Amino acid sequence: MDQTTEIAFQIILHAGNGKSSVMEAIQEAKIGNFNKADQLVEEAAEELGKAHEYQTKLLHNEARGEGNIINVMLIHSQDHLMTSMTMRDLAIEIIEIYRNK
């Protein structure tokens, strides 16, 4: 397995963990458990940060002139990361709606 595909798998792993945490955070907010919801959003941020570090590694390689192999797995990982980051942003807003209800 090449380095780009290995990095893509790490991005998918951490983005998926982040997405799971924000979905769980919304469910906790729905039942009024805002401390747990906030904790889960923080956990999601940590996971998404890890995924972003792997993405940054690819960007640095590219900037140094070390081309990355663009494959479906890499494209999928980028899609997964961006979707998870968007979900985190929306979850924060949804939690605030529940908190102010």
PDB file of N, CA and C in Angstrom:
ATOM      1  N   MET A   1       0.853  -1.170   0.000  1.00  0.00           N
ATOM      2  CA  MET A   1       0.000   0.000   0.000  1.00  0.00           C
ATOM      3  C   MET A   1       0.899   1.233   0.000  1.00  0.00           C
ATOM      4  N   ASP A   2       0.594   2.197  -0.847  1.00  0.00           N
ATOM      5  CA  ASP A   2       1.428   3.388  -0.921  1.00  0.00           C
ATOM      6  C   ASP A   2       1.104   4.365   0.217  1.00  0.00           C
ATOM      7  N   GLN A   3       1.992   5.324   0.425  1.00  0.00           N
ATOM      8  CA  GLN A   3       1.859   6.263   1.534  1.00  0.00           C
ATOM      9  C   GLN A   3       0.565   7.093   1.425  1.00  0.00           C
ATOM     10  N   THR A   4       0.195   7.493   0.228  1.00  0.00           N
ATOM     11  CA  THR A   4      -1.011   8.305   0.053  1.00  0.00           C
ATOM     12  C   THR A   4      -2.244   7.537   0.500  1.00  0.00           C
ATOM     13  N   THR A   5      -2.324   6.267   0.147  1.00  0.00           N
ATOM     14  CA  THR A   5      -3.476   5.456   0.544  1.00  0.00           C
ATOM     15  C   THR A   5      -3.494   5.242   2.050  1.00  0.00           C
ATOM     16  N   GLU A   6      -2.325   5.039   2.646  1.00  0.00           N
ATOM     17  CA  GLU A   6      -2.249   4.899   4.106  1.00  0.00           C
ATOM     18  C   GLU A   6      -2.750   6.170   4.791  1.00  0.00           C
ATOM     19  N   ILE A   7      -2.347   7.319   4.294  1.00  0.00           N
ATOM     20  CA  ILE A   7      -2.802   8.589   4.856  1.00  0.00           C
ATOM     21  C   ILE A   7      -4.307   8.741   4.653  1.00  0.00           C
ATOM     22  N   ALA A   8      -4.800   8.345   3.495  1.00  0.00           N
ATOM     23  CA  ALA A   8      -6.239   8.423   3.226  1.00  0.00           C
ATOM     24  C   ALA A   8      -7.019   7.605   4.241  1.00  0.00           C
ATOM     25  N   PHE A   9      -6.533   6.420   4.568  1.00  0.00           N
ATOM     26  CA  PHE A   9      -7.201   5.583   5.569  1.00  0.00           C
ATOM     27  C   PHE A   9      -7.214   6.261   6.940  1.00  0.00           C
ATOM     28  N   GLN A  10      -6.122   6.921   7.299  1.00  0.00           N
ATOM     29  CA  GLN A  10      -6.079   7.631   8.580  1.00  0.00           C
ATOM     30  C   GLN A  10      -7.070   8.798   8.603  1.00  0.00           C
ATOM     31  N   ILE A  11      -7.173   9.508   7.501  1.00  0.00           N
ATOM     32  CA  ILE A  11      -8.137  10.609   7.405  1.00  0.00           C
ATOM     33  C   ILE A  11      -9.551  10.070   7.577  1.00  0.00           C
ATOM     34  N   ILE A  12      -9.859   8.984   6.883  1.00  0.00           N
ATOM     35  CA  ILE A  12     -11.194   8.380   6.985  1.00  0.00           C
ATOM     36  C   ILE A  12     -11.471   7.936   8.418  1.00  0.00           C
ATOM     37  N   LEU A  13     -10.502   7.297   9.058  1.00  0.00           N
ATOM     38  CA  LEU A  13     -10.663   6.822  10.428  1.00  0.00           C
ATOM     39  C   LEU A  13     -11.001   7.970  11.372  1.00  0.00           C
ATOM     40  N   HIS A  14     -10.177   8.999  11.369  1.00  0.00           N
ATOM     41  CA  HIS A  14     -10.363  10.088  12.323  1.00  0.00           C
ATOM     42  C   HIS A  14     -11.582  10.951  11.976  1.00  0.00           C
ATOM     43  N   ALA A  15     -11.841  11.154  10.705  1.00  0.00           N
ATOM     44  CA  ALA A  15     -13.040  11.902  10.321  1.00  0.00           C
ATOM     45  C   ALA A  15     -14.298  11.135  10.724  1.00  0.00           C
ATOM     46  N   GLY A  16     -14.282   9.835  10.552  1.00  0.00           N
ATOM     47  CA  GLY A  16     -15.420   9.003  10.953  1.00  0.00           C
ATOM     48  C   GLY A  16     -15.648   9.041  12.458  1.00  0.00           C
ATOM     49  N   ASN A  17     -14.554   8.992  13.223  1.00  0.00           N
ATOM     50  CA  ASN A  17     -14.677   9.104  14.676  1.00  0.00           C
ATOM     51  C   ASN A  17     -15.275  10.450  15.064  1.00  0.00           C
ATOM     52  N   GLY A  18     -14.826  11.504  14.413  1.00  0.00           N
ATOM     53  CA  GLY A  18     -15.354  12.836  14.694  1.00  0.00           C
ATOM     54  C   GLY A  18     -16.827  12.944  14.365  1.00  0.00           C
ATOM     55  N   LYS A  19     -17.210  12.386  13.228  1.00  0.00           N
ATOM     56  CA  LYS A  19     -18.612  12.424  12.828  1.00  0.00           C
ATOM     57  C   LYS A  19     -19.480  11.663  13.823  1.00  0.00           C
ATOM     58  N   SER A  20     -19.010  10.527  14.263  1.00  0.00           N
ATOM     59  CA  SER A  20     -19.770   9.742  15.249  1.00  0.00           C
ATOM     60  C   SER A  20     -19.953  10.528  16.545  1.00  0.00           C
ATOM     61  N   SER A  21     -18.908  11.207  16.969  1.00  0.00           N
ATOM     62  CA  SER A  21     -18.993  11.988  18.207  1.00  0.00           C
ATOM     63  C   SER A  21     -19.991  13.133  18.097  1.00  0.00           C
ATOM     64  N   VAL A  22     -20.012  13.823  16.967  1.00  0.00           N
ATOM     65  CA  VAL A  22     -20.962  14.939  16.864  1.00  0.00           C
ATOM     66  C   VAL A  22     -22.393  14.448  16.760  1.00  0.00           C
ATOM     67  N   MET A  23     -22.600  13.310  16.129  1.00  0.00           N
ATOM     68  CA  MET A  23     -23.959  12.768  16.072  1.00  0.00           C
ATOM     69  C   MET A  23     -24.425  12.374  17.471  1.00  0.00           C
ATOM     70  N   GLU A  24     -23.522  11.786  18.241  1.00  0.00           N
ATOM     71  CA  GLU A  24     -23.845  11.430  19.620  1.00  0.00           C
ATOM     72  C   GLU A  24     -24.081  12.697  20.448  1.00  0.00           C
ATOM     73  N   ALA A  25     -23.313  13.748  20.184  1.00  0.00           N
ATOM     74  CA  ALA A  25     -23.475  15.016  20.911  1.00  0.00           C
ATOM     75  C   ALA A  25     -24.867  15.598  20.690  1.00  0.00           C
ATOM     76  N   ILE A  26     -25.361  15.530  19.477  1.00  0.00           N
ATOM     77  CA  ILE A  26     -26.712  16.031  19.191  1.00  0.00           C
ATOM     78  C   ILE A  26     -27.737  15.237  19.990  1.00  0.00           C
ATOM     79  N   GLN A  27     -27.571  13.930  20.045  1.00  0.00           N
ATOM     80  CA  GLN A  27     -28.508  13.097  20.801  1.00  0.00           C
ATOM     81  C   GLN A  27     -28.470  13.443  22.291  1.00  0.00           C
ATOM     82  N   GLU A  28     -27.295  13.701  22.819  1.00  0.00           N
ATOM     83  CA  GLU A  28     -27.173  14.091  24.228  1.00  0.00           C
ATOM     84  C   GLU A  28     -27.841  15.446  24.470  1.00  0.00           C
ATOM     85  N   ALA A  29     -27.663  16.375  23.560  1.00  0.00           N
ATOM     86  CA  ALA A  29     -28.302  17.687  23.707  1.00  0.00           C
ATOM     87  C   ALA A  29     -29.822  17.556  23.651  1.00  0.00           C
ATOM     88  N   LYS A  30     -30.275  16.661  22.823  1.00  0.00           N
ATOM     89  CA  LYS A  30     -31.717  16.450  22.670  1.00  0.00           C
ATOM     90  C   LYS A  30     -32.362  16.055  24.000  1.00  0.00           C
ATOM     91  N   ILE A  31     -31.638  15.323  24.839  1.00  0.00           N
ATOM     92  CA  ILE A  31     -32.199  14.907  26.128  1.00  0.00           C
ATOM     93  C   ILE A  31     -31.754  15.838  27.259  1.00  0.00           C
ATOM     94  N   GLY A  32     -31.092  16.934  26.894  1.00  0.00           N
ATOM     95  CA  GLY A  32     -30.737  17.941  27.883  1.00  0.00           C
ATOM     96  C   GLY A  32     -29.411  17.727  28.584  1.00  0.00           C
ATOM     97  N   ASN A  33     -28.616  16.787  28.113  1.00  0.00           N
ATOM     98  CA  ASN A  33     -27.318  16.510  28.727  1.00  0.00           C
ATOM     99  C   ASN A  33     -26.239  17.329  28.005  1.00  0.00           C
ATOM    100  N   PHE A  34     -26.195  18.623  28.324  1.00  0.00           N
ATOM    101  CA  PHE A  34     -25.320  19.541  27.591  1.00  0.00           C
ATOM    102  C   PHE A  34     -23.852  19.398  27.946  1.00  0.00           C
ATOM    103  N   ASN A  35     -23.558  19.005  29.185  1.00  0.00           N
ATOM    104  CA  ASN A  35     -22.147  18.772  29.528  1.00  0.00           C
ATOM    105  C   ASN A  35     -21.565  17.652  28.680  1.00  0.00           C
ATOM    106  N   LYS A  36     -22.315  16.570  28.555  1.00  0.00           N
ATOM    107  CA  LYS A  36     -21.862  15.442  27.731  1.00  0.00           C
ATOM    108  C   LYS A  36     -21.794  15.853  26.264  1.00  0.00           C
ATOM    109  N   ALA A  37     -22.774  16.618  25.802  1.00  0.00           N
ATOM    110  CA  ALA A  37     -22.773  17.084  24.408  1.00  0.00           C
ATOM    111  C   ALA A  37     -21.531  17.920  24.130  1.00  0.00           C
ATOM    112  N   ASP A  38     -21.212  18.831  25.042  1.00  0.00           N
ATOM    113  CA  ASP A  38     -20.024  19.675  24.865  1.00  0.00           C
ATOM    114  C   ASP A  38     -18.750  18.834  24.863  1.00  0.00           C
ATOM    115  N   GLN A  39     -18.705  17.842  25.738  1.00  0.00           N
ATOM    116  CA  GLN A  39     -17.539  16.954  25.800  1.00  0.00           C
ATOM    117  C   GLN A  39     -17.373  16.199  24.471  1.00  0.00           C
ATOM    118  N   LEU A  40     -18.470  15.730  23.926  1.00  0.00           N
ATOM    119  CA  LEU A  40     -18.415  14.988  22.662  1.00  0.00           C
ATOM    120  C   LEU A  40     -18.005  15.884  21.497  1.00  0.00           C
ATOM    121  N   VAL A  41     -18.431  17.130  21.518  1.00  0.00           N
ATOM    122  CA  VAL A  41     -18.001  18.070  20.472  1.00  0.00           C
ATOM    123  C   VAL A  41     -16.492  18.287  20.574  1.00  0.00           C
ATOM    124  N   GLU A  42     -15.976  18.363  21.799  1.00  0.00           N
ATOM    125  CA  GLU A  42     -14.530  18.499  21.987  1.00  0.00           C
ATOM    126  C   GLU A  42     -13.785  17.267  21.473  1.00  0.00           C
ATOM    127  N   GLU A  43     -14.337  16.090  21.768  1.00  0.00           N
ATOM    128  CA  GLU A  43     -13.725  14.857  21.262  1.00  0.00           C
ATOM    129  C   GLU A  43     -13.726  14.853  19.736  1.00  0.00           C
ATOM    130  N   ALA A  44     -14.814  15.304  19.145  1.00  0.00           N
ATOM    131  CA  ALA A  44     -14.903  15.381  17.688  1.00  0.00           C
ATOM    132  C   ALA A  44     -13.841  16.328  17.141  1.00  0.00           C
ATOM    133  N   ALA A  45     -13.672  17.458  17.807  1.00  0.00           N
ATOM    134  CA  ALA A  45     -12.672  18.433  17.353  1.00  0.00           C
ATOM    135  C   ALA A  45     -11.273  17.822  17.385  1.00  0.00           C
ATOM    136  N   GLU A  46     -10.981  17.039  18.422  1.00  0.00           N
ATOM    137  CA  GLU A  46      -9.670  16.383  18.510  1.00  0.00           C
ATOM    138  C   GLU A  46      -9.481  15.395  17.360  1.00  0.00           C
ATOM    139  N   GLU A  47     -10.496  14.595  17.090  1.00  0.00           N
ATOM    140  CA  GLU A  47     -10.403  13.619  16.000  1.00  0.00           C
ATOM    141  C   GLU A  47     -10.266  14.312  14.646  1.00  0.00           C
ATOM    142  N   LEU A  48     -11.059  15.345  14.437  1.00  0.00           N
ATOM    143  CA  LEU A  48     -10.980  16.069  13.164  1.00  0.00           C
ATOM    144  C   LEU A  48      -9.637  16.774  13.037  1.00  0.00           C
ATOM    145  N   GLY A  49      -9.087  17.212  14.166  1.00  0.00           N
ATOM    146  CA  GLY A  49      -7.748  17.800  14.141  1.00  0.00           C
ATOM    147  C   GLY A  49      -6.697  16.799  13.689  1.00  0.00           C
ATOM    148  N   LYS A  50      -6.822  15.562  14.162  1.00  0.00           N
ATOM    149  CA  LYS A  50      -5.894  14.502  13.734  1.00  0.00           C
ATOM    150  C   LYS A  50      -6.024  14.246  12.237  1.00  0.00           C
ATOM    151  N   ALA A  51      -7.258  14.179  11.763  1.00  0.00           N
ATOM    152  CA  ALA A  51      -7.482  13.969  10.328  1.00  0.00           C
ATOM    153  C   ALA A  51      -6.881  15.119   9.531  1.00  0.00           C
ATOM    154  N   HIS A  52      -7.058  16.329  10.039  1.00  0.00           N
ATOM    155  CA  HIS A  52      -6.524  17.501   9.346  1.00  0.00           C
ATOM    156  C   HIS A  52      -4.999  17.479   9.310  1.00  0.00           C
ATOM    157  N   GLU A  53      -4.368  16.955  10.367  1.00  0.00           N
ATOM    158  CA  GLU A  53      -2.907  16.835  10.374  1.00  0.00           C
ATOM    159  C   GLU A  53      -2.428  15.921   9.241  1.00  0.00           C
ATOM    160  N   TYR A  54      -3.156  14.836   9.022  1.00  0.00           N
ATOM    161  CA  TYR A  54      -2.785  13.937   7.915  1.00  0.00           C
ATOM    162  C   TYR A  54      -2.983  14.637   6.573  1.00  0.00           C
ATOM    163  N   GLN A  55      -4.063  15.396   6.459  1.00  0.00           N
ATOM    164  CA  GLN A  55      -4.307  16.138   5.223  1.00  0.00           C
ATOM    165  C   GLN A  55      -3.177  17.156   5.002  1.00  0.00           C
ATOM    166  N   THR A  56      -2.760  17.810   6.057  1.00  0.00           N
ATOM    167  CA  THR A  56      -1.680  18.793   5.963  1.00  0.00           C
ATOM    168  C   THR A  56      -0.384  18.134   5.510  1.00  0.00           C
ATOM    169  N   LYS A  57      -0.155  16.911   5.964  1.00  0.00           N
ATOM    170  CA  LYS A  57       1.035  16.170   5.540  1.00  0.00           C
ATOM    171  C   LYS A  57       1.032  16.010   4.011  1.00  0.00           C
ATOM    172  N   LEU A  58      -0.124  15.694   3.453  1.00  0.00           N
ATOM    173  CA  LEU A  58      -0.233  15.576   1.996  1.00  0.00           C
ATOM    174  C   LEU A  58       0.035  16.910   1.314  1.00  0.00           C
ATOM    175  N   LEU A  59      -0.503  17.974   1.883  1.00  0.00           N
ATOM    176  CA  LEU A  59      -0.308  19.306   1.296  1.00  0.00           C
ATOM    177  C   LEU A  59       1.157  19.716   1.338  1.00  0.00           C
ATOM    178  N   HIS A  60       1.836  19.402   2.433  1.00  0.00           N
ATOM    179  CA  HIS A  60       3.259  19.722   2.539  1.00  0.00           C
ATOM    180  C   HIS A  60       4.069  18.937   1.509  1.00  0.00           C
ATOM    181  N   ASN A  61       3.738  17.672   1.335  1.00  0.00           N
ATOM    182  CA  ASN A  61       4.414  16.868   0.311  1.00  0.00           C
ATOM    183  C   ASN A  61       4.245  17.506  -1.061  1.00  0.00           C
ATOM    184  N   GLU A  62       3.044  17.916  -1.342  1.00  0.00           N
ATOM    185  CA  GLU A  62       2.746  18.536  -2.636  1.00  0.00           C
ATOM    186  C   GLU A  62       3.537  19.833  -2.801  1.00  0.00           C
ATOM    187  N   ALA A  63       3.600  20.639  -1.762  1.00  0.00           N
ATOM    188  CA  ALA A  63       4.315  21.915  -1.815  1.00  0.00           C
ATOM    189  C   ALA A  63       5.816  21.713  -2.020  1.00  0.00           C
ATOM    190  N   ARG A  64       6.345  20.594  -1.513  1.00  0.00           N
ATOM    191  CA  ARG A  64       7.771  20.283  -1.700  1.00  0.00           C
ATOM    192  C   ARG A  64       8.052  19.663  -3.067  1.00  0.00           C
ATOM    193  N   GLY A  65       7.023  19.537  -3.865  1.00  0.00           N
ATOM    194  CA  GLY A  65       7.203  18.954  -5.193  1.00  0.00           C
ATOM    195  C   GLY A  65       7.117  17.447  -5.217  1.00  0.00           C
ATOM    196  N   GLU A  66       6.758  16.849  -4.091  1.00  0.00           N
ATOM    197  CA  GLU A  66       6.580  15.404  -4.025  1.00  0.00           C
ATOM    198  C   GLU A  66       5.117  15.114  -4.320  1.00  0.00           C
ATOM    199  N   GLY A  67       4.833  14.821  -5.551  1.00  0.00           N
ATOM    200  CA  GLY A  67       3.454  14.593  -5.939  1.00  0.00           C
ATOM    201  C   GLY A  67       2.815  13.446  -5.174  1.00  0.00           C
ATOM    202  N   ASN A  68       1.549  13.588  -4.907  1.00  0.00           N
ATOM    203  CA  ASN A  68       0.775  12.533  -4.272  1.00  0.00           C
ATOM    204  C   ASN A  68       0.023  11.760  -5.340  1.00  0.00           C
ATOM    205  N   ILE A  69      -0.118  10.466  -5.120  1.00  0.00           N
ATOM    206  CA  ILE A  69      -0.912   9.659  -6.035  1.00  0.00           C
ATOM    207  C   ILE A  69      -2.377   9.954  -5.737  1.00  0.00           C
ATOM    208  N   ILE A  70      -3.075  10.462  -6.722  1.00  0.00           N
ATOM    209  CA  ILE A  70      -4.494  10.759  -6.548  1.00  0.00           C
ATOM    210  C   ILE A  70      -5.266   9.493  -6.927  1.00  0.00           C
ATOM    211  N   ASN A  71      -5.942   8.919  -5.941  1.00  0.00           N
ATOM    212  CA  ASN A  71      -6.742   7.733  -6.202  1.00  0.00           C
ATOM    213  C   ASN A  71      -8.117   7.918  -5.571  1.00  0.00           C
ATOM    214  N   VAL A  72      -8.993   7.008  -5.818  1.00  0.00           N
ATOM    215  CA  VAL A  72     -10.363   7.112  -5.318  1.00  0.00           C
ATOM    216  C   VAL A  72     -10.381   7.148  -3.789  1.00  0.00           C
ATOM    217  N   MET A  73      -9.485   6.408  -3.158  1.00  0.00           N
ATOM    218  CA  MET A  73      -9.436   6.387  -1.701  1.00  0.00           C
ATOM    219  C   MET A  73      -9.101   7.777  -1.155  1.00  0.00           C
ATOM    220  N   LEU A  74      -8.164   8.463  -1.782  1.00  0.00           N
ATOM    221  CA  LEU A  74      -7.805   9.809  -1.339  1.00  0.00           C
ATOM    222  C   LEU A  74      -8.972  10.775  -1.542  1.00  0.00           C
ATOM    223  N   ILE A  75      -9.620  10.689  -2.677  1.00  0.00           N
ATOM    224  CA  ILE A  75     -10.777  11.540  -2.935  1.00  0.00           C
ATOM    225  C   ILE A  75     -11.867  11.267  -1.909  1.00  0.00           C
ATOM    226  N   HIS A  76     -12.102  10.004  -1.622  1.00  0.00           N
ATOM    227  CA  HIS A  76     -13.107   9.619  -0.634  1.00  0.00           C
ATOM    228  C   HIS A  76     -12.747  10.180   0.745  1.00  0.00           C
ATOM    229  N   SER A  77     -11.486  10.109   1.099  1.00  0.00           N
ATOM    230  CA  SER A  77     -11.067  10.599   2.416  1.00  0.00           C
ATOM    231  C   SER A  77     -11.288  12.100   2.543  1.00  0.00           C
ATOM    232  N   GLN A  78     -11.017  12.840   1.483  1.00  0.00           N
ATOM    233  CA  GLN A  78     -11.224  14.286   1.518  1.00  0.00           C
ATOM    234  C   GLN A  78     -12.708  14.622   1.643  1.00  0.00           C
ATOM    235  N   ASP A  79     -13.523  13.878   0.933  1.00  0.00           N
ATOM    236  CA  ASP A  79     -14.974  14.065   1.018  1.00  0.00           C
ATOM    237  C   ASP A  79     -15.453  13.764   2.431  1.00  0.00           C
ATOM    238  N   HIS A  80     -14.957  12.694   2.994  1.00  0.00           N
ATOM    239  CA  HIS A  80     -15.342  12.286   4.342  1.00  0.00           C
ATOM    240  C   HIS A  80     -14.946  13.353   5.369  1.00  0.00           C
ATOM    241  N   LEU A  81     -13.735  13.875   5.235  1.00  0.00           N
ATOM    242  CA  LEU A  81     -13.253  14.893   6.172  1.00  0.00           C
ATOM    243  C   LEU A  81     -14.091  16.166   6.077  1.00  0.00           C
ATOM    244  N   MET A  82     -14.324  16.641   4.888  1.00  0.00           N
ATOM    245  CA  MET A  82     -15.068  17.895   4.739  1.00  0.00           C
ATOM    246  C   MET A  82     -16.512  17.739   5.220  1.00  0.00           C
ATOM    247  N   THR A  83     -17.116  16.602   4.956  1.00  0.00           N
ATOM    248  CA  THR A  83     -18.479  16.357   5.429  1.00  0.00           C
ATOM    249  C   THR A  83     -18.510  16.325   6.951  1.00  0.00           C
ATOM    250  N   SER A  84     -17.540  15.667   7.550  1.00  0.00           N
ATOM    251  CA  SER A  84     -17.485  15.578   9.011  1.00  0.00           C
ATOM    252  C   SER A  84     -17.258  16.939   9.647  1.00  0.00           C
ATOM    253  N   MET A  85     -16.427  17.768   9.023  1.00  0.00           N
ATOM    254  CA  MET A  85     -16.189  19.108   9.554  1.00  0.00           C
ATOM    255  C   MET A  85     -17.457  19.956   9.467  1.00  0.00           C
ATOM    256  N   THR A  86     -18.184  19.813   8.389  1.00  0.00           N
ATOM    257  CA  THR A  86     -19.447  20.529   8.235  1.00  0.00           C
ATOM    258  C   THR A  86     -20.454  20.058   9.267  1.00  0.00           C
ATOM    259  N   MET A  87     -20.499  18.751   9.493  1.00  0.00           N
ATOM    260  CA  MET A  87     -21.417  18.202  10.491  1.00  0.00           C
ATOM    261  C   MET A  87     -21.084  18.733  11.886  1.00  0.00           C
ATOM    262  N   ARG A  88     -19.805  18.865  12.188  1.00  0.00           N
ATOM    263  CA  ARG A  88     -19.412  19.421  13.488  1.00  0.00           C
ATOM    264  C   ARG A  88     -19.941  20.852  13.637  1.00  0.00           C
ATOM    265  N   ASP A  89     -19.765  21.648  12.610  1.00  0.00           N
ATOM    266  CA  ASP A  89     -20.244  23.032  12.660  1.00  0.00           C
ATOM    267  C   ASP A  89     -21.758  23.088  12.843  1.00  0.00           C
ATOM    268  N   LEU A  90     -22.465  22.250  12.126  1.00  0.00           N
ATOM    269  CA  LEU A  90     -23.927  22.219  12.267  1.00  0.00           C
ATOM    270  C   LEU A  90     -24.345  21.683  13.629  1.00  0.00           C
ATOM    271  N   ALA A  91     -23.627  20.693  14.137  1.00  0.00           N
ATOM    272  CA  ALA A  91     -23.950  20.135  15.454  1.00  0.00           C
ATOM    273  C   ALA A  91     -23.823  21.199  16.535  1.00  0.00           C
ATOM    274  N   ILE A  92     -22.805  22.029  16.445  1.00  0.00           N
ATOM    275  CA  ILE A  92     -22.636  23.104  17.420  1.00  0.00           C
ATOM    276  C   ILE A  92     -23.857  24.018  17.415  1.00  0.00           C
ATOM    277  N   GLU A  93     -24.346  24.343  16.240  1.00  0.00           N
ATOM    278  CA  GLU A  93     -25.532  25.200  16.135  1.00  0.00           C
ATOM    279  C   GLU A  93     -26.781  24.491  16.664  1.00  0.00           C
ATOM    280  N   ILE A  94     -26.927  23.237  16.334  1.00  0.00           N
ATOM    281  CA  ILE A  94     -28.099  22.470  16.798  1.00  0.00           C
ATOM    282  C   ILE A  94     -28.083  22.357  18.316  1.00  0.00           C
ATOM    283  N   ILE A  95     -26.928  22.110  18.882  1.00  0.00           N
ATOM    284  CA  ILE A  95     -26.812  22.006  20.339  1.00  0.00           C
ATOM    285  C   ILE A  95     -27.194  23.336  20.987  1.00  0.00           C
ATOM    286  N   GLU A  96     -26.779  24.436  20.398  1.00  0.00           N
ATOM    287  CA  GLU A  96     -27.139  25.748  20.947  1.00  0.00           C
ATOM    288  C   GLU A  96     -28.655  25.978  20.883  1.00  0.00           C
ATOM    289  N   ILE A  97     -29.279  25.509  19.831  1.00  0.00           N
ATOM    290  CA  ILE A  97     -30.740  25.626  19.736  1.00  0.00           C
ATOM    291  C   ILE A  97     -31.386  24.858  20.869  1.00  0.00           C
ATOM    292  N   TYR A  98     -30.942  23.614  21.105  1.00  0.00           N
ATOM    293  CA  TYR A  98     -31.494  22.826  22.208  1.00  0.00           C
ATOM    294  C   TYR A  98     -31.202  23.494  23.547  1.00  0.00           C
ATOM    295  N   ARG A  99     -30.003  24.045  23.692  1.00  0.00           N
ATOM    296  CA  ARG A  99     -29.607  24.665  24.965  1.00  0.00           C
ATOM    297  C   ARG A  99     -30.483  25.890  25.277  1.00  0.00           C
ATOM    298  N   ASN A 100     -30.865  26.619  24.266  1.00  0.00           N
ATOM    299  CA  ASN A 100     -31.651  27.845  24.451  1.00  0.00           C
ATOM    300  C   ASN A 100     -33.156  27.633  24.369  1.00  0.00           C
ATOM    301  N   LYS A 101     -33.551  26.392  24.250  1.00  0.00           N
ATOM    302  CA  LYS A 101     -34.969  26.049  24.108  1.00  0.00           C
ATOM    303  C   LYS A 101     -35.746  26.289  25.371  1.00  0.00           C
TER     304      LYS A 101
END
